[in-house]
Amino acid sequence: MNELDFEKPIIELEKKIAELKKFSESKKIDLSIEIKRLEEKLETIRHNIFENLTPWQRVQIARHPLRPYTLDYINIIMNDFIEFHGDRLFGDDKAIVGGFALLEKTKVCVLGHQKGRDTKENIYRNFGCAHPEGYRKALRLMQMAEKFKIPVIVFIDTPGAYPGIGAEERGQAHSIAYNLREMVMLKTPIVVVVIGEGGSGGALGMGVGDRILMLENSYYSVISPEGCAAILWRDRSKASESAEALRLTAEDLLELGIIDEVLAEPLGGAHRNPEEVAETIKKAIKRHLKELCEVPLEELLAQRYRKYRRIGVWKE
């Protein structure tokens, strides 16, 4: 089942309404008044739940298995996508997809983490956890975009970089750190959109940009709630408390000045209406790219530098 614990009252009422409608049709009995009353009750419950979500509940929605992934958004909002493969050093990382496409008439370089829909695909995509070759592939494409003066769009959706021995042996930390440095100096506009999970250096390794946007039910954090709970309390079951303490929601990060815009989702999450969310993302990307492309290159790089220097600076 794909239902979340806090969604159970909604799911149960939806099933009850569906059963009542089926019974009404099969027995030729008019139950429209009862059905309408239950539908009104359903709408009230839905609003009460989804308009008062806790940080941990938002994390759960960000991880929903039906939530749209990078390739879903590329297929909906872009045309003529040509995927590129390999880092020219080791191999091709399936956890990161990237290539070039058209956003209406604008040529763009588009990159993102890609998860799978089932066990087989998740193993193929390594659950969206990138290896060093994935970050090198991403940088190779970004530098190609820089060469041809093409803006870069990045979709972030990963629980974190892959922490296995092989990845460490091939330079995981170096690849992420190198990307951070190079992206700060990349001579083309960069728009980053966090569409689901934004976990640790795995997200940040592709997350440096002139504009950072987040979907309403995504999260962006230095560590996962479970990882934080395991370190602080030695108890992963305290993930809800750590999610609260980490200030990882889109609203929190907007308030802290780390991101630039929160993008609204349909009630219940992006998986409820992927086309609507894709259109919201498309409009936001076009608006920000238009602004960024009008900024002289030297000023663009200076603004990007100042943006990241301000993060973590506090006044008392």
C-alpha atoms as a PDB file:
ATOM      1  CA  MET A   1       0.000   0.000   0.000  1.00  0.00           C
ATOM      2  CA  ASN A   2       1.149   3.539  -0.776  1.00  0.00           C
ATOM      3  CA  GLU A   3      -0.933   5.263   1.899  1.00  0.00           C
ATOM      4  CA  LEU A   4       0.824   7.106   4.713  1.00  0.00           C
ATOM      5  CA  ASP A   5      -0.241   6.663   8.347  1.00  0.00           C
ATOM      6  CA  PHE A   6      -1.705  10.141   8.687  1.00  0.00           C
ATOM      7  CA  GLU A   7      -3.666   9.678   5.425  1.00  0.00           C
ATOM      8  CA  LYS A   8      -5.677   6.691   6.739  1.00  0.00           C
ATOM      9  CA  PRO A   9      -8.803   8.716   7.732  1.00  0.00           C
ATOM     10  CA  ILE A  10      -8.875  10.150   4.180  1.00  0.00           C
ATOM     11  CA  ILE A  11      -8.342   6.754   2.501  1.00  0.00           C
ATOM     12  CA  GLU A  12     -11.043   5.095   4.613  1.00  0.00           C
ATOM     13  CA  LEU A  13     -13.590   7.805   3.831  1.00  0.00           C
ATOM     14  CA  GLU A  14     -12.709   7.704   0.099  1.00  0.00           C
ATOM     15  CA  LYS A  15     -13.326   3.919   0.112  1.00  0.00           C
ATOM     16  CA  LYS A  16     -16.623   4.385   1.929  1.00  0.00           C
ATOM     17  CA  ILE A  17     -17.804   6.975  -0.617  1.00  0.00           C
ATOM     18  CA  ALA A  18     -16.772   4.717  -3.526  1.00  0.00           C
ATOM     19  CA  GLU A  19     -18.663   1.758  -1.989  1.00  0.00           C
ATOM     20  CA  LEU A  20     -21.745   3.908  -1.423  1.00  0.00           C
ATOM     21  CA  LYS A  21     -21.708   5.116  -5.028  1.00  0.00           C
ATOM     22  CA  LYS A  22     -21.349   1.549  -6.303  1.00  0.00           C
ATOM     23  CA  PHE A  23     -24.187   0.356  -4.053  1.00  0.00           C
ATOM     24  CA  SER A  24     -26.386   3.270  -5.198  1.00  0.00           C
ATOM     25  CA  GLU A  25     -25.829   2.413  -8.879  1.00  0.00           C
ATOM     26  CA  SER A  26     -26.281  -1.344  -8.509  1.00  0.00           C
ATOM     27  CA  LYS A  27     -29.461  -1.132  -6.380  1.00  0.00           C
ATOM     28  CA  LYS A  28     -30.898   1.912  -8.188  1.00  0.00           C
ATOM     29  CA  ILE A  29     -31.246   3.770  -4.874  1.00  0.00           C
ATOM     30  CA  ASP A  30     -30.773   7.539  -4.602  1.00  0.00           C
ATOM     31  CA  LEU A  31     -28.096   8.129  -1.978  1.00  0.00           C
ATOM     32  CA  SER A  32     -26.903  11.482  -3.332  1.00  0.00           C
ATOM     33  CA  ILE A  33     -27.598  13.363  -0.077  1.00  0.00           C
ATOM     34  CA  GLU A  34     -25.579  10.883   2.008  1.00  0.00           C
ATOM     35  CA  ILE A  35     -22.785  10.838  -0.576  1.00  0.00           C
ATOM     36  CA  LYS A  36     -22.644  14.637  -0.707  1.00  0.00           C
ATOM     37  CA  ARG A  37     -22.482  14.820   3.090  1.00  0.00           C
ATOM     38  CA  LEU A  38     -19.571  12.362   3.178  1.00  0.00           C
ATOM     39  CA  GLU A  39     -17.764  14.227   0.367  1.00  0.00           C
ATOM     40  CA  GLU A  40     -18.047  17.476   2.337  1.00  0.00           C
ATOM     41  CA  LYS A  41     -16.717  15.692   5.404  1.00  0.00           C
ATOM     42  CA  LEU A  42     -13.855  14.260   3.315  1.00  0.00           C
ATOM     43  CA  GLU A  43     -12.895  17.718   2.054  1.00  0.00           C
ATOM     44  CA  THR A  44     -12.852  19.085   5.608  1.00  0.00           C
ATOM     45  CA  ILE A  45     -10.666  16.220   6.877  1.00  0.00           C
ATOM     46  CA  ARG A  46      -8.324  16.558   3.883  1.00  0.00           C
ATOM     47  CA  HIS A  47      -7.833  20.281   4.537  1.00  0.00           C
ATOM     48  CA  ASN A  48      -7.354  19.777   8.279  1.00  0.00           C
ATOM     49  CA  ILE A  49      -4.641  17.170   7.706  1.00  0.00           C
ATOM     50  CA  PHE A  50      -2.719  18.637   4.778  1.00  0.00           C
ATOM     51  CA  GLU A  51      -2.797  22.251   5.896  1.00  0.00           C
ATOM     52  CA  ASN A  52      -1.294  21.351   9.274  1.00  0.00           C
ATOM     53  CA  LEU A  53       1.473  18.920   8.343  1.00  0.00           C
ATOM     54  CA  THR A  54       4.430  18.404  10.667  1.00  0.00           C
ATOM     55  CA  PRO A  55       7.988  18.456   9.262  1.00  0.00           C
ATOM     56  CA  TRP A  56       8.159  14.653   9.569  1.00  0.00           C
ATOM     57  CA  GLN A  57       4.915  14.240   7.639  1.00  0.00           C
ATOM     58  CA  ARG A  58       6.316  16.441   4.870  1.00  0.00           C
ATOM     59  CA  VAL A  59       9.396  14.209   4.751  1.00  0.00           C
ATOM     60  CA  GLN A  60       7.108  11.212   4.320  1.00  0.00           C
ATOM     61  CA  ILE A  61       5.287  12.905   1.426  1.00  0.00           C
ATOM     62  CA  ALA A  62       8.657  13.821  -0.130  1.00  0.00           C
ATOM     63  CA  ARG A  63       9.451  10.088  -0.144  1.00  0.00           C
ATOM     64  CA  HIS A  64       6.069   8.943  -1.473  1.00  0.00           C
ATOM     65  CA  PRO A  65       6.680   6.183  -4.058  1.00  0.00           C
ATOM     66  CA  LEU A  66       4.182   7.723  -6.498  1.00  0.00           C
ATOM     67  CA  ARG A  67       5.759  11.179  -6.351  1.00  0.00           C
ATOM     68  CA  PRO A  68       7.008  12.430  -9.762  1.00  0.00           C
ATOM     69  CA  TYR A  69      10.742  12.031 -10.361  1.00  0.00           C
ATOM     70  CA  THR A  70      13.204  13.915 -12.550  1.00  0.00           C
ATOM     71  CA  LEU A  71      12.425  12.074 -15.794  1.00  0.00           C
ATOM     72  CA  ASP A  72       8.688  12.571 -15.209  1.00  0.00           C
ATOM     73  CA  TYR A  73       9.131  16.342 -15.054  1.00  0.00           C
ATOM     74  CA  ILE A  74      11.520  16.385 -18.019  1.00  0.00           C
ATOM     75  CA  ASN A  75       9.005  14.453 -20.140  1.00  0.00           C
ATOM     76  CA  ILE A  76       6.137  16.767 -19.160  1.00  0.00           C
ATOM     77  CA  ILE A  77       7.721  20.220 -19.364  1.00  0.00           C
ATOM     78  CA  MET A  78      10.515  19.793 -21.928  1.00  0.00           C
ATOM     79  CA  ASN A  79      10.897  18.668 -25.529  1.00  0.00           C
ATOM     80  CA  ASP A  80      13.610  16.875 -27.520  1.00  0.00           C
ATOM     81  CA  PHE A  81      15.469  15.595 -24.452  1.00  0.00           C
ATOM     82  CA  ILE A  82      18.739  13.877 -25.400  1.00  0.00           C
ATOM     83  CA  GLU A  83      20.296  11.970 -22.509  1.00  0.00           C
ATOM     84  CA  PHE A  84      24.078  11.807 -22.137  1.00  0.00           C
ATOM     85  CA  HIS A  85      25.913   8.999 -20.337  1.00  0.00           C
ATOM     86  CA  GLY A  86      29.211   8.414 -18.575  1.00  0.00           C
ATOM     87  CA  ASP A  87      31.882  10.456 -16.821  1.00  0.00           C
ATOM     88  CA  ARG A  88      34.692   9.554 -19.290  1.00  0.00           C
ATOM     89  CA  LEU A  89      36.680   8.092 -16.382  1.00  0.00           C
ATOM     90  CA  PHE A  90      34.855   5.113 -14.874  1.00  0.00           C
ATOM     91  CA  GLY A  91      31.313   4.517 -16.070  1.00  0.00           C
ATOM     92  CA  ASP A  92      27.708   5.684 -16.169  1.00  0.00           C
ATOM     93  CA  ASP A  93      25.813   6.297 -12.933  1.00  0.00           C
ATOM     94  CA  LYS A  94      22.115   5.510 -13.400  1.00  0.00           C
ATOM     95  CA  ALA A  95      21.208   7.426 -10.211  1.00  0.00           C
ATOM     96  CA  ILE A  96      21.824  10.693 -12.062  1.00  0.00           C
ATOM     97  CA  VAL A  97      20.293  11.487 -15.440  1.00  0.00           C
ATOM     98  CA  GLY A  98      21.293  14.424 -17.595  1.00  0.00           C
ATOM     99  CA  GLY A  99      21.341  15.844 -21.053  1.00  0.00           C
ATOM    100  CA  PHE A 100      20.069  18.682 -23.195  1.00  0.00           C
ATOM    101  CA  ALA A 101      16.501  19.673 -24.041  1.00  0.00           C
ATOM    102  CA  LEU A 102      14.214  22.504 -25.075  1.00  0.00           C
ATOM    103  CA  LEU A 103      12.167  24.408 -22.510  1.00  0.00           C
ATOM    104  CA  GLU A 104       9.749  25.747 -25.096  1.00  0.00           C
ATOM    105  CA  LYS A 105      12.246  27.566 -27.358  1.00  0.00           C
ATOM    106  CA  THR A 106      15.074  27.844 -24.838  1.00  0.00           C
ATOM    107  CA  LYS A 107      17.961  25.361 -24.983  1.00  0.00           C
ATOM    108  CA  VAL A 108      18.757  24.021 -21.503  1.00  0.00           C
ATOM    109  CA  CYS A 109      21.056  21.524 -19.844  1.00  0.00           C
ATOM    110  CA  VAL A 110      18.928  19.484 -17.461  1.00  0.00           C
ATOM    111  CA  LEU A 111      20.192  17.172 -14.704  1.00  0.00           C
ATOM    112  CA  GLY A 112      18.694  15.344 -11.772  1.00  0.00           C
ATOM    113  CA  HIS A 113      18.642  12.406  -9.394  1.00  0.00           C
ATOM    114  CA  GLN A 114      16.443   9.537 -10.550  1.00  0.00           C
ATOM    115  CA  LYS A 115      14.806   6.912  -8.319  1.00  0.00           C
ATOM    116  CA  GLY A 116      12.918   3.785  -9.362  1.00  0.00           C
ATOM    117  CA  ARG A 117       9.250   2.824  -9.128  1.00  0.00           C
ATOM    118  CA  ASP A 118       9.778  -0.803  -8.106  1.00  0.00           C
ATOM    119  CA  THR A 119      12.504  -2.925  -6.536  1.00  0.00           C
ATOM    120  CA  LYS A 120      14.136  -3.827  -9.850  1.00  0.00           C
ATOM    121  CA  GLU A 121      14.279  -0.222 -11.060  1.00  0.00           C
ATOM    122  CA  ASN A 122      15.397   1.051  -7.649  1.00  0.00           C
ATOM    123  CA  ILE A 123      18.349  -1.339  -7.723  1.00  0.00           C
ATOM    124  CA  TYR A 124      19.124  -0.160 -11.269  1.00  0.00           C
ATOM    125  CA  ARG A 125      18.950   3.488 -10.122  1.00  0.00           C
ATOM    126  CA  ASN A 126      20.646   2.723  -6.774  1.00  0.00           C
ATOM    127  CA  PHE A 127      17.648   4.303  -5.014  1.00  0.00           C
ATOM    128  CA  GLY A 128      18.704   7.724  -6.318  1.00  0.00           C
ATOM    129  CA  CYS A 129      22.000   7.597  -4.384  1.00  0.00           C
ATOM    130  CA  ALA A 130      24.779   8.763  -6.698  1.00  0.00           C
ATOM    131  CA  HIS A 131      28.331   7.447  -7.025  1.00  0.00           C
ATOM    132  CA  PRO A 132      31.365   9.671  -7.791  1.00  0.00           C
ATOM    133  CA  GLU A 133      30.958   8.991 -11.500  1.00  0.00           C
ATOM    134  CA  GLY A 134      27.449  10.458 -11.292  1.00  0.00           C
ATOM    135  CA  TYR A 135      28.737  13.768  -9.970  1.00  0.00           C
ATOM    136  CA  ARG A 136      31.513  13.761 -12.561  1.00  0.00           C
ATOM    137  CA  LYS A 137      28.953  13.121 -15.311  1.00  0.00           C
ATOM    138  CA  ALA A 138      26.848  16.012 -14.017  1.00  0.00           C
ATOM    139  CA  LEU A 139      29.841  18.353 -13.983  1.00  0.00           C
ATOM    140  CA  ARG A 140      30.883  17.254 -17.482  1.00  0.00           C
ATOM    141  CA  LEU A 141      27.463  18.246 -18.803  1.00  0.00           C
ATOM    142  CA  MET A 142      27.417  21.529 -16.886  1.00  0.00           C
ATOM    143  CA  GLN A 143      30.803  22.488 -18.290  1.00  0.00           C
ATOM    144  CA  MET A 144      29.550  21.626 -21.773  1.00  0.00           C
ATOM    145  CA  ALA A 145      26.555  23.903 -21.141  1.00  0.00           C
ATOM    146  CA  GLU A 146      28.931  26.646 -20.002  1.00  0.00           C
ATOM    147  CA  LYS A 147      30.943  26.304 -23.221  1.00  0.00           C
ATOM    148  CA  PHE A 148      27.851  26.855 -25.376  1.00  0.00           C
ATOM    149  CA  LYS A 149      26.269  29.463 -23.045  1.00  0.00           C
ATOM    150  CA  ILE A 150      23.301  27.229 -22.200  1.00  0.00           C
ATOM    151  CA  PRO A 151      21.560  27.635 -18.794  1.00  0.00           C
ATOM    152  CA  VAL A 152      21.513  24.695 -16.370  1.00  0.00           C
ATOM    153  CA  ILE A 153      18.457  23.261 -14.586  1.00  0.00           C
ATOM    154  CA  VAL A 154      18.965  20.751 -11.767  1.00  0.00           C
ATOM    155  CA  PHE A 155      16.315  18.575 -10.087  1.00  0.00           C
ATOM    156  CA  ILE A 156      17.292  17.395  -6.601  1.00  0.00           C
ATOM    157  CA  ASP A 157      15.758  14.190  -5.211  1.00  0.00           C
ATOM    158  CA  THR A 158      18.103  11.952  -3.215  1.00  0.00           C
ATOM    159  CA  PRO A 159      18.369  10.610   0.331  1.00  0.00           C
ATOM    160  CA  GLY A 160      22.133  11.174   0.017  1.00  0.00           C
ATOM    161  CA  ALA A 161      25.235  10.165  -1.900  1.00  0.00           C
ATOM    162  CA  TYR A 162      25.999   6.433  -1.930  1.00  0.00           C
ATOM    163  CA  PRO A 163      28.169   5.655   1.139  1.00  0.00           C
ATOM    164  CA  GLY A 164      29.581   2.304  -0.020  1.00  0.00           C
ATOM    165  CA  ILE A 165      33.258   1.318   0.027  1.00  0.00           C
ATOM    166  CA  GLY A 166      33.525   1.370  -3.781  1.00  0.00           C
ATOM    167  CA  ALA A 167      32.199   4.912  -3.945  1.00  0.00           C
ATOM    168  CA  GLU A 168      34.635   6.058  -1.263  1.00  0.00           C
ATOM    169  CA  GLU A 169      37.528   4.334  -3.046  1.00  0.00           C
ATOM    170  CA  ARG A 170      36.640   6.168  -6.254  1.00  0.00           C
ATOM    171  CA  GLY A 171      36.630   9.555  -4.517  1.00  0.00           C
ATOM    172  CA  GLN A 172      33.074  10.298  -3.386  1.00  0.00           C
ATOM    173  CA  ALA A 173      34.009  13.200  -1.090  1.00  0.00           C
ATOM    174  CA  HIS A 174      36.379  14.692  -3.659  1.00  0.00           C
ATOM    175  CA  SER A 175      33.759  14.523  -6.431  1.00  0.00           C
ATOM    176  CA  ILE A 176      31.171  16.346  -4.331  1.00  0.00           C
ATOM    177  CA  ALA A 177      33.631  18.978  -3.086  1.00  0.00           C
ATOM    178  CA  TYR A 178      34.970  19.525  -6.609  1.00  0.00           C
ATOM    179  CA  ASN A 179      31.437  20.021  -7.941  1.00  0.00           C
ATOM    180  CA  LEU A 180      30.747  22.620  -5.243  1.00  0.00           C
ATOM    181  CA  ARG A 181      33.777  24.629  -6.268  1.00  0.00           C
ATOM    182  CA  GLU A 182      33.157  24.359  -9.987  1.00  0.00           C
ATOM    183  CA  MET A 183      29.445  25.157  -9.789  1.00  0.00           C
ATOM    184  CA  VAL A 184      30.137  28.346  -7.845  1.00  0.00           C
ATOM    185  CA  MET A 185      32.314  29.495 -10.757  1.00  0.00           C
ATOM    186  CA  LEU A 186      30.210  28.097 -13.640  1.00  0.00           C
ATOM    187  CA  LYS A 187      29.715  30.849 -16.207  1.00  0.00           C
ATOM    188  CA  THR A 188      26.069  30.238 -17.009  1.00  0.00           C
ATOM    189  CA  PRO A 189      22.800  30.614 -15.036  1.00  0.00           C
ATOM    190  CA  ILE A 190      21.841  27.718 -12.746  1.00  0.00           C
ATOM    191  CA  VAL A 191      18.330  27.053 -11.407  1.00  0.00           C
ATOM    192  CA  VAL A 192      17.977  24.266  -8.821  1.00  0.00           C
ATOM    193  CA  VAL A 193      14.610  22.698  -7.925  1.00  0.00           C
ATOM    194  CA  VAL A 194      14.277  20.359  -4.917  1.00  0.00           C
ATOM    195  CA  ILE A 195      11.424  18.053  -5.977  1.00  0.00           C
ATOM    196  CA  GLY A 196      11.554  15.457  -3.196  1.00  0.00           C
ATOM    197  CA  GLU A 197      14.388  14.521  -0.879  1.00  0.00           C
ATOM    198  CA  GLY A 198      17.368  16.831  -0.505  1.00  0.00           C
ATOM    199  CA  GLY A 199      19.715  14.745   1.590  1.00  0.00           C
ATOM    200  CA  SER A 200      23.138  15.916   2.725  1.00  0.00           C
ATOM    201  CA  GLY A 201      26.147  16.299   0.378  1.00  0.00           C
ATOM    202  CA  GLY A 202      24.427  13.989  -2.086  1.00  0.00           C
ATOM    203  CA  ALA A 203      22.012  16.821  -2.829  1.00  0.00           C
ATOM    204  CA  LEU A 204      24.469  19.673  -2.421  1.00  0.00           C
ATOM    205  CA  GLY A 205      26.898  18.074  -4.885  1.00  0.00           C
ATOM    206  CA  MET A 206      24.511  19.259  -7.628  1.00  0.00           C
ATOM    207  CA  GLY A 207      22.701  21.916  -5.616  1.00  0.00           C
ATOM    208  CA  VAL A 208      24.719  25.117  -6.045  1.00  0.00           C
ATOM    209  CA  GLY A 209      22.682  27.608  -8.036  1.00  0.00           C
ATOM    210  CA  ASP A 210      21.662  31.198  -8.634  1.00  0.00           C
ATOM    211  CA  ARG A 211      18.101  30.328  -7.636  1.00  0.00           C
ATOM    212  CA  ILE A 212      17.093  27.492  -5.310  1.00  0.00           C
ATOM    213  CA  LEU A 213      13.416  26.502  -5.505  1.00  0.00           C
ATOM    214  CA  MET A 214      11.639  23.868  -3.416  1.00  0.00           C
ATOM    215  CA  LEU A 215       8.345  22.098  -3.810  1.00  0.00           C
ATOM    216  CA  GLU A 216       6.108  22.621  -0.800  1.00  0.00           C
ATOM    217  CA  ASN A 217       6.408  19.012   0.420  1.00  0.00           C
ATOM    218  CA  SER A 218      10.111  18.483  -0.213  1.00  0.00           C
ATOM    219  CA  TYR A 219      12.941  18.743   2.296  1.00  0.00           C
ATOM    220  CA  TYR A 220      16.580  19.873   2.174  1.00  0.00           C
ATOM    221  CA  SER A 221      18.890  19.005   5.034  1.00  0.00           C
ATOM    222  CA  VAL A 222      22.477  18.338   6.095  1.00  0.00           C
ATOM    223  CA  ILE A 223      21.376  14.859   7.219  1.00  0.00           C
ATOM    224  CA  SER A 224      18.279  12.673   7.074  1.00  0.00           C
ATOM    225  CA  PRO A 225      15.947  12.776  10.118  1.00  0.00           C
ATOM    226  CA  GLU A 226      16.734   9.112  10.854  1.00  0.00           C
ATOM    227  CA  GLY A 227      20.494   9.734  10.643  1.00  0.00           C
ATOM    228  CA  CYS A 228      20.204  12.729  12.953  1.00  0.00           C
ATOM    229  CA  ALA A 229      18.119  10.735  15.450  1.00  0.00           C
ATOM    230  CA  ALA A 230      20.652   7.881  15.386  1.00  0.00           C
ATOM    231  CA  ILE A 231      23.478  10.299  16.219  1.00  0.00           C
ATOM    232  CA  LEU A 232      21.730  12.456  18.828  1.00  0.00           C
ATOM    233  CA  TRP A 233      19.550   9.883  20.593  1.00  0.00           C
ATOM    234  CA  ARG A 234      20.957   6.588  19.277  1.00  0.00           C
ATOM    235  CA  ASP A 235      17.361   5.868  18.335  1.00  0.00           C
ATOM    236  CA  ARG A 236      16.115   6.168  14.721  1.00  0.00           C
ATOM    237  CA  SER A 237      12.505   6.079  15.946  1.00  0.00           C
ATOM    238  CA  LYS A 238      12.936   9.690  17.077  1.00  0.00           C
ATOM    239  CA  ALA A 239      13.059  10.835  13.445  1.00  0.00           C
ATOM    240  CA  SER A 240       9.975  13.040  13.913  1.00  0.00           C
ATOM    241  CA  GLU A 241      11.716  15.001  16.696  1.00  0.00           C
ATOM    242  CA  SER A 242      14.883  15.418  14.636  1.00  0.00           C
ATOM    243  CA  ALA A 243      12.872  16.562  11.592  1.00  0.00           C
ATOM    244  CA  GLU A 244      11.425  19.321  13.757  1.00  0.00           C
ATOM    245  CA  ALA A 245      14.866  20.351  15.053  1.00  0.00           C
ATOM    246  CA  LEU A 246      16.590  20.297  11.653  1.00  0.00           C
ATOM    247  CA  ARG A 247      14.378  23.059  10.161  1.00  0.00           C
ATOM    248  CA  LEU A 248      14.365  21.160   6.865  1.00  0.00           C
ATOM    249  CA  THR A 249      11.036  22.178   5.321  1.00  0.00           C
ATOM    250  CA  ALA A 250      10.695  24.580   2.407  1.00  0.00           C
ATOM    251  CA  GLU A 251       9.034  27.235   4.606  1.00  0.00           C
ATOM    252  CA  ASP A 252      11.836  26.985   7.197  1.00  0.00           C
ATOM    253  CA  LEU A 253      14.561  27.312   4.568  1.00  0.00           C
ATOM    254  CA  LEU A 254      12.837  30.259   2.904  1.00  0.00           C
ATOM    255  CA  GLU A 255      12.684  31.996   6.275  1.00  0.00           C
ATOM    256  CA  LEU A 256      16.393  31.262   6.840  1.00  0.00           C
ATOM    257  CA  GLY A 257      17.287  32.713   3.435  1.00  0.00           C
ATOM    258  CA  ILE A 258      18.728  29.463   2.097  1.00  0.00           C
ATOM    259  CA  ILE A 259      16.207  29.030  -0.728  1.00  0.00           C
ATOM    260  CA  ASP A 260      14.515  31.600  -2.955  1.00  0.00           C
ATOM    261  CA  GLU A 261      10.970  30.325  -3.522  1.00  0.00           C
ATOM    262  CA  VAL A 262       8.482  27.708  -2.333  1.00  0.00           C
ATOM    263  CA  LEU A 263       6.409  26.112  -5.122  1.00  0.00           C
ATOM    264  CA  ALA A 264       2.868  25.065  -4.210  1.00  0.00           C
ATOM    265  CA  GLU A 265       1.643  21.480  -4.578  1.00  0.00           C
ATOM    266  CA  PRO A 266      -1.919  20.122  -4.845  1.00  0.00           C
ATOM    267  CA  LEU A 267      -3.509  19.191  -1.534  1.00  0.00           C
ATOM    268  CA  GLY A 268      -1.999  15.826  -0.609  1.00  0.00           C
ATOM    269  CA  GLY A 269       1.233  16.142  -2.564  1.00  0.00           C
ATOM    270  CA  ALA A 270       2.687  16.306  -6.072  1.00  0.00           C
ATOM    271  CA  HIS A 271       1.637  12.725  -6.868  1.00  0.00           C
ATOM    272  CA  ARG A 272      -2.017  13.803  -6.734  1.00  0.00           C
ATOM    273  CA  ASN A 273      -1.600  15.898  -9.895  1.00  0.00           C
ATOM    274  CA  PRO A 274       1.848  15.657 -11.535  1.00  0.00           C
ATOM    275  CA  GLU A 275       0.818  17.739 -14.576  1.00  0.00           C
ATOM    276  CA  GLU A 276      -0.270  20.660 -12.382  1.00  0.00           C
ATOM    277  CA  VAL A 277       2.976  20.567 -10.401  1.00  0.00           C
ATOM    278  CA  ALA A 278       5.038  20.290 -13.592  1.00  0.00           C
ATOM    279  CA  GLU A 279       3.328  23.413 -14.955  1.00  0.00           C
ATOM    280  CA  THR A 280       4.079  25.255 -11.692  1.00  0.00           C
ATOM    281  CA  ILE A 281       7.744  24.254 -11.934  1.00  0.00           C
ATOM    282  CA  LYS A 282       7.916  25.214 -15.609  1.00  0.00           C
ATOM    283  CA  LYS A 283       6.526  28.706 -14.995  1.00  0.00           C
ATOM    284  CA  ALA A 284       8.916  29.270 -12.070  1.00  0.00           C
ATOM    285  CA  ILE A 285      11.976  28.090 -14.020  1.00  0.00           C
ATOM    286  CA  LYS A 286      11.081  30.293 -17.016  1.00  0.00           C
ATOM    287  CA  ARG A 287      10.593  33.320 -14.769  1.00  0.00           C
ATOM    288  CA  HIS A 288      13.888  32.876 -12.935  1.00  0.00           C
ATOM    289  CA  LEU A 289      15.856  32.085 -16.095  1.00  0.00           C
ATOM    290  CA  LYS A 290      14.513  35.241 -17.741  1.00  0.00           C
ATOM    291  CA  GLU A 291      15.730  37.305 -14.769  1.00  0.00           C
ATOM    292  CA  LEU A 292      19.125  35.574 -14.597  1.00  0.00           C
ATOM    293  CA  CYS A 293      19.839  35.788 -18.325  1.00  0.00           C
ATOM    294  CA  GLU A 294      19.501  39.570 -18.114  1.00  0.00           C
ATOM    295  CA  VAL A 295      22.241  39.836 -15.464  1.00  0.00           C
ATOM    296  CA  PRO A 296      25.795  40.474 -16.777  1.00  0.00           C
ATOM    297  CA  LEU A 297      28.014  37.426 -16.271  1.00  0.00           C
ATOM    298  CA  GLU A 298      30.434  39.033 -13.798  1.00  0.00           C
ATOM    299  CA  GLU A 299      27.554  40.272 -11.652  1.00  0.00           C
ATOM    300  CA  LEU A 300      25.829  36.860 -11.875  1.00  0.00           C
ATOM    301  CA  LEU A 301      28.921  35.123 -10.456  1.00  0.00           C
ATOM    302  CA  ALA A 302      29.332  37.804  -7.782  1.00  0.00           C
ATOM    303  CA  GLN A 303      25.699  37.400  -6.718  1.00  0.00           C
ATOM    304  CA  ARG A 304      26.088  33.614  -6.563  1.00  0.00           C
ATOM    305  CA  TYR A 305      29.201  33.981  -4.402  1.00  0.00           C
ATOM    306  CA  ARG A 306      27.475  36.418  -2.026  1.00  0.00           C
ATOM    307  CA  LYS A 307      24.405  34.169  -1.830  1.00  0.00           C
ATOM    308  CA  TYR A 308      26.399  31.284  -0.370  1.00  0.00           C
ATOM    309  CA  ARG A 309      28.628  33.461   1.811  1.00  0.00           C
ATOM    310  CA  ARG A 310      25.502  34.752   3.569  1.00  0.00           C
ATOM    311  CA  ILE A 311      24.282  31.291   4.552  1.00  0.00           C
ATOM    312  CA  GLY A 312      25.000  30.569   8.197  1.00  0.00           C
ATOM    313  CA  VAL A 313      25.769  34.197   9.104  1.00  0.00           C
ATOM    314  CA  TRP A 314      23.818  35.320  12.160  1.00  0.00           C
ATOM    315  CA  LYS A 315      23.227  38.674  13.824  1.00  0.00           C
ATOM    316  CA  GLU A 316      22.474  38.813  17.527  1.00  0.00           C
END
